Amino acid sequence: MKNWSRRAVLSGTAVAVGSVAGCLGGSGNNATPAPDGVEPSDAPRPARGPEDASVTVELFTDYECPHCHDFHSGPEQQLVDEFVRSPSDPNVQFQFYEYPIPVGNNSWLAAMAGVAAGVESGASTYVSYRDQMFESQNTSTDLIRTTLEETAGVSDSVWDDVQNQFYRKPAEADKERGNSHGISGTPGVVVNGTVVSPPDGDQTYQDTIREEIQSQL
C-alpha cells in the first residue's frame, strides 16, 4: 500500500489549496479512444444528494492525486455529511467528475474503470467504486481491477474493454467540462458554476466551499 505524503507531484510541482494541497494539470492525453467506445451520453453521472437540488457542487479528481485522497477523507466527507446526510430536506447535490491529469501511469485507467462501473452497473456503483479507490490509497492495476470487479461484478471482457480505451470518451468529457470551468488541477471544486478558489490565511478549504454553498442556498 502506498503511503501518500503531502509532497509535490508532476516534476516536483504542487499548488496549495488551504489545508489540502493540489496536483497541477498537465499534458499526457496520448491514448486514442476506441472508435466504437462508450459515448459520454451513455455514462450516468455519479452523485450524492437529490437530483432537483438548487445547489450543485462539482468535484473534479484524479485517483492518483494524493491530495484528492486527503480531500475525499476530509473536506468532502464533512460537507456531504453536513449538506446531504444530515439535513431533513437536503438541497445540495455533489457530482463527481473524472479529471485524470495524469498524475501517474494509472490515472486514466482508474478513471475509465470508474466509468465502466457506472455504465455496467449504475451511478451508485460508480460512487462505490470511487469511494473504495480513494479509501485504498492504492492505484495499482491489480487494485483497480479488483475494485471494479468487487463493486460492479463485471466480466473479464469488461476489464479488457477498460484497458482498450472503450470507456475513455466519458472520462475525456469530464475533463473537458473541468477545463471549461477553468479547472487546471485537482481537487477542483465548482459550486453552481462558480470555481471555488484556494483560500487565503488560516481558513480551511471546506470552510471556503461551505461559504459558497450557503451563499447559493
Protein backbone atom coordinates (compact mmCIF):
# COMPACT_ATOMS: atom_id res chain seq x y z
CA MET A 1 0.00 0.00 0.00
CA LYS A 2 1.26 3.44 -0.85
CA ASN A 3 1.68 5.88 1.99
CA TRP A 4 0.70 9.20 0.44
CA SER A 5 2.53 12.21 1.83
CA ARG A 6 1.98 15.88 1.18
CA ARG A 7 4.61 16.01 -1.48
CA ALA A 8 4.82 17.80 -4.77
CA VAL A 9 3.96 15.77 -7.85
CA LEU A 10 4.44 16.23 -11.55
CA SER A 11 8.12 17.11 -11.62
CA GLY A 12 8.02 18.34 -8.04
CA THR A 13 5.28 20.92 -8.61
CA ALA A 14 2.23 21.44 -6.40
CA VAL A 15 -0.24 24.19 -5.68
CA ALA A 16 -1.62 24.89 -2.20
CA VAL A 17 -5.35 24.97 -1.60
CA GLY A 18 -5.66 25.78 2.08
CA SER A 19 -5.36 22.66 4.22
CA VAL A 20 -5.42 20.45 1.12
CA ALA A 21 -2.57 20.70 -1.35
CA GLY A 22 -3.33 20.14 -5.01
CA CYS A 23 -1.95 18.42 -8.08
CA LEU A 24 -1.36 20.62 -11.11
CA GLY A 25 -2.67 19.65 -14.51
CA GLY A 26 -0.54 18.78 -17.48
CA SER A 27 -0.47 17.03 -20.81
CA GLY A 28 -0.42 13.29 -21.35
CA ASN A 29 -3.65 12.67 -23.28
CA ASN A 30 -1.88 10.17 -25.51
CA ALA A 31 -4.19 7.19 -25.82
CA THR A 32 -6.86 7.18 -28.52
CA PRO A 33 -10.43 6.16 -27.63
CA ALA A 34 -11.83 3.16 -29.46
CA PRO A 35 -13.94 4.23 -32.49
CA ASP A 36 -16.89 2.24 -31.11
CA GLY A 37 -16.32 3.24 -27.49
CA VAL A 38 -18.95 4.31 -24.98
CA GLU A 39 -20.26 7.82 -25.59
CA PRO A 40 -20.50 10.39 -22.77
CA SER A 41 -24.29 10.35 -23.01
CA ASP A 42 -24.26 6.63 -22.10
CA ALA A 43 -22.44 7.16 -18.80
CA PRO A 44 -24.51 8.03 -15.69
CA ARG A 45 -23.46 10.97 -13.54
CA PRO A 46 -22.35 9.69 -10.13
CA ALA A 47 -23.64 11.94 -7.38
CA ARG A 48 -24.79 12.25 -3.80
CA GLY A 49 -27.86 14.31 -2.99
CA PRO A 50 -31.23 14.99 -4.65
CA GLU A 51 -31.41 15.45 -8.42
CA ASP A 52 -33.59 18.55 -8.02
CA ALA A 53 -31.20 20.28 -5.60
CA SER A 54 -30.87 24.02 -6.05
CA VAL A 55 -27.10 23.86 -5.46
CA THR A 56 -24.79 21.58 -7.42
CA VAL A 57 -21.23 21.02 -6.27
CA GLU A 58 -18.99 19.54 -8.98
CA LEU A 59 -15.87 17.76 -7.75
CA PHE A 60 -13.03 17.05 -10.20
CA THR A 61 -10.48 14.50 -9.01
CA ASP A 62 -7.65 12.20 -10.11
CA TYR A 63 -7.35 8.85 -8.34
CA GLU A 64 -3.56 9.10 -8.33
CA CYS A 65 -3.51 12.58 -6.79
CA PRO A 66 -2.55 12.18 -3.10
CA HIS A 67 -4.30 15.44 -2.27
CA CYS A 68 -7.56 14.10 -3.72
CA HIS A 69 -7.26 11.21 -1.26
CA ASP A 70 -6.88 13.74 1.56
CA PHE A 71 -9.78 15.78 0.23
CA HIS A 72 -12.07 12.75 -0.06
CA SER A 73 -11.47 11.61 3.53
CA GLY A 74 -11.63 15.14 4.98
CA PRO A 75 -13.45 18.12 3.43
CA GLU A 76 -15.61 16.08 1.05
CA GLN A 77 -16.97 13.77 3.74
CA GLN A 78 -17.57 16.65 6.15
CA LEU A 79 -19.51 18.63 3.55
CA VAL A 80 -21.55 15.64 2.36
CA ASP A 81 -22.43 14.88 5.99
CA GLU A 82 -23.46 18.47 6.56
CA PHE A 83 -25.46 19.12 3.39
CA VAL A 84 -26.67 15.68 2.24
CA ARG A 85 -26.69 13.09 5.01
CA SER A 86 -27.77 15.22 7.98
CA PRO A 87 -30.44 17.69 6.76
CA SER A 88 -34.06 16.52 6.84
CA ASP A 89 -34.60 18.23 3.49
CA PRO A 90 -31.23 18.34 1.67
CA ASN A 91 -30.98 20.82 -1.17
CA VAL A 92 -27.39 20.23 -2.31
CA GLN A 93 -26.09 17.63 -4.74
CA PHE A 94 -22.43 16.65 -5.04
CA GLN A 95 -21.50 15.45 -8.52
CA PHE A 96 -18.30 13.55 -9.20
CA TYR A 97 -16.20 14.07 -12.33
CA GLU A 98 -13.05 12.39 -13.56
CA TYR A 99 -10.09 14.71 -14.07
CA PRO A 100 -7.10 12.49 -14.91
CA ILE A 101 -4.21 14.95 -15.09
CA PRO A 102 -2.49 12.39 -15.27
CA VAL A 103 -0.53 12.26 -12.02
CA GLY A 104 0.79 8.75 -12.69
CA ASN A 105 0.61 5.90 -15.17
CA ASN A 106 -2.81 4.70 -13.98
CA SER A 107 -4.72 7.98 -13.76
CA TRP A 108 -6.63 7.29 -16.98
CA LEU A 109 -7.02 3.56 -16.30
CA ALA A 110 -8.60 4.23 -12.90
CA ALA A 111 -10.89 6.87 -14.38
CA MET A 112 -12.04 4.58 -17.20
CA ALA A 113 -12.69 1.76 -14.73
CA GLY A 114 -14.94 4.13 -12.78
CA VAL A 115 -16.85 4.96 -15.94
CA ALA A 116 -17.18 1.23 -16.64
CA ALA A 117 -18.62 0.66 -13.18
CA GLY A 118 -21.29 3.27 -13.85
CA VAL A 119 -22.11 2.15 -17.37
CA GLU A 120 -22.33 -1.53 -16.46
CA SER A 121 -23.97 -1.30 -13.02
CA GLY A 122 -25.32 2.22 -12.49
CA ALA A 123 -24.35 5.53 -10.91
CA SER A 124 -24.48 4.23 -7.32
CA THR A 125 -21.92 1.57 -8.24
CA TYR A 126 -19.72 4.29 -9.73
CA VAL A 127 -19.86 6.10 -6.37
CA SER A 128 -18.96 2.88 -4.52
CA TYR A 129 -16.00 2.32 -6.84
CA ARG A 130 -14.86 5.90 -6.30
CA ASP A 131 -15.09 5.61 -2.51
CA GLN A 132 -13.14 2.37 -2.41
CA MET A 133 -10.43 3.67 -4.69
CA PHE A 134 -9.87 6.79 -2.59
CA GLU A 135 -10.02 4.86 0.68
CA SER A 136 -7.48 2.29 -0.53
CA GLN A 137 -4.72 4.83 -1.28
CA ASN A 138 -3.53 2.38 -3.90
CA THR A 139 -3.78 2.73 -7.66
CA SER A 140 -2.02 -0.39 -8.88
CA THR A 141 -3.50 -2.07 -11.94
CA ASP A 142 -4.46 -5.11 -9.86
CA LEU A 143 -6.24 -2.97 -7.27
CA ILE A 144 -8.17 -1.05 -9.94
CA ARG A 145 -9.32 -4.31 -11.50
CA THR A 146 -10.22 -5.86 -8.15
CA THR A 147 -12.18 -2.78 -7.06
CA LEU A 148 -14.08 -2.71 -10.34
CA GLU A 149 -14.93 -6.40 -10.05
CA GLU A 150 -15.97 -6.10 -6.40
CA THR A 151 -18.19 -3.07 -6.87
CA ALA A 152 -19.66 -3.74 -10.31
CA GLY A 153 -19.36 -7.53 -10.65
CA VAL A 154 -18.13 -7.17 -14.21
CA SER A 155 -16.77 -9.85 -16.51
CA ASP A 156 -13.22 -10.20 -17.76
CA SER A 157 -14.34 -8.82 -21.12
CA VAL A 158 -15.31 -5.52 -19.47
CA TRP A 159 -11.85 -5.23 -17.93
CA ASP A 160 -10.36 -5.89 -21.36
CA ASP A 161 -12.53 -3.07 -22.72
CA VAL A 162 -11.29 -0.75 -19.96
CA GLN A 163 -7.70 -1.46 -20.93
CA ASN A 164 -8.54 -0.95 -24.62
CA GLN A 165 -9.91 2.58 -24.07
CA PHE A 166 -13.57 1.61 -24.63
CA TYR A 167 -14.70 3.75 -21.68
CA ARG A 168 -12.36 6.68 -22.31
CA LYS A 169 -14.68 9.17 -24.01
CA PRO A 170 -16.84 9.90 -20.92
CA ALA A 171 -13.70 10.46 -18.84
CA GLU A 172 -12.39 12.83 -21.51
CA ALA A 173 -15.74 14.66 -21.50
CA ASP A 174 -15.49 15.06 -17.71
CA LYS A 175 -12.04 16.56 -18.03
CA GLU A 176 -13.17 18.88 -20.82
CA ARG A 177 -16.00 20.08 -18.57
CA GLY A 178 -13.48 20.86 -15.85
CA ASN A 179 -11.31 22.72 -18.34
CA SER A 180 -14.33 24.75 -19.46
CA HIS A 181 -14.77 25.88 -15.84
CA GLY A 182 -11.10 26.86 -15.66
CA ILE A 183 -10.04 23.88 -13.56
CA SER A 184 -6.33 23.15 -14.02
CA GLY A 185 -5.59 20.82 -11.12
CA THR A 186 -7.11 18.52 -8.55
CA PRO A 187 -9.09 18.56 -6.42
CA GLY A 188 -11.21 21.07 -8.32
CA VAL A 189 -14.48 22.37 -6.89
CA VAL A 190 -17.25 24.24 -8.72
CA VAL A 191 -20.42 25.41 -6.93
CA ASN A 192 -23.31 26.31 -9.24
CA GLY A 193 -20.82 27.25 -11.92
CA THR A 194 -18.52 29.19 -9.61
CA VAL A 195 -14.99 27.84 -9.18
CA VAL A 196 -14.05 27.85 -5.50
CA SER A 197 -10.64 29.47 -5.41
CA PRO A 198 -7.92 28.48 -2.94
CA PRO A 199 -8.49 30.22 0.38
CA ASP A 200 -6.21 32.79 1.99
CA GLY A 201 -4.89 32.84 5.52
CA ASP A 202 -5.83 30.15 8.01
CA GLN A 203 -9.24 29.36 6.57
CA THR A 204 -9.59 25.71 5.56
CA TYR A 205 -10.82 24.54 2.17
CA GLN A 206 -14.07 23.07 3.48
CA ASP A 207 -14.93 26.43 5.11
CA THR A 208 -14.46 28.19 1.78
CA ILE A 209 -16.63 25.64 -0.04
CA ARG A 210 -19.24 25.75 2.72
CA GLU A 211 -19.50 29.53 2.47
CA GLU A 212 -20.03 29.33 -1.28
CA ILE A 213 -22.71 26.66 -0.90
CA GLN A 214 -24.52 28.64 1.78
CA SER A 215 -24.41 31.76 -0.37
CA GLN A 216 -26.22 29.83 -3.12
CA LEU A 217 -28.94 28.31 -0.95
